Amino acid sequence: MTVNETDTAIRALAAQKRLPETYLERWLAMDADSRAALLAIARTLKYRTGQLATAIDLLDEIAVRDKTSAAKVLGDPKARAIAEGRGSAPGRARAMLEYLGAARFPELARARAALDADIAALHLPRGTQIALPSELASDEVTITLRFRNTGDFDQMLAHLNDAKPQIAAILDKLGGKE
């Protein structure tokens, strides 16, 4: 595909997705390889408008910080594995944005992985789930209990009560008190 054909395809996709003009301009301002790589990813993963805008933001920020190009970021073996992997396009699109977010904010990704490991170490009973806030943007966690009888409910509450010190430590880490 020539550069002109790529740019025409980008404009057509942007129009179809109703991508805001500022994002289209930023996309077209990328080098030719990066424009083509993002077009291929956007088509393969069937990005929605917001996902495409987020990808452009993250790729621009990564490129500036790491002095690289979007094409190199999207050509990374991990990114290619996501794009070419199994699963639904929406699931892979979400995974790609998570990958780009982790590449853009590596400390946040490490903190999230550590907190996820702390939660996994609790060995919560089936039906009990602790969810961290999106992007660790607050110090609130959500605990969900799904049970069918009072015995299950009692077991969950007992396990949570026993795990109270570990849960308090997770809350402290989330609140930055480590």
Foldseek 3Di string as FASTA:
>chain_A
DDLVVLLVLLVVVCVVLVADPVLNVLLNPFPSLLNNLLSVLCVLLVDHNVLSSLLSVLQVLLCVVVVHGNNVVCPPPVNVCLSPDDDHSPVSSVVNSVVSVCSNPVVLVVLVVVLVVLQVVLVQDPQWDKAADVSLPDLDIDIGGDDDDVVSVVVRVVSCVVCVVSVVVSSCVSVVND
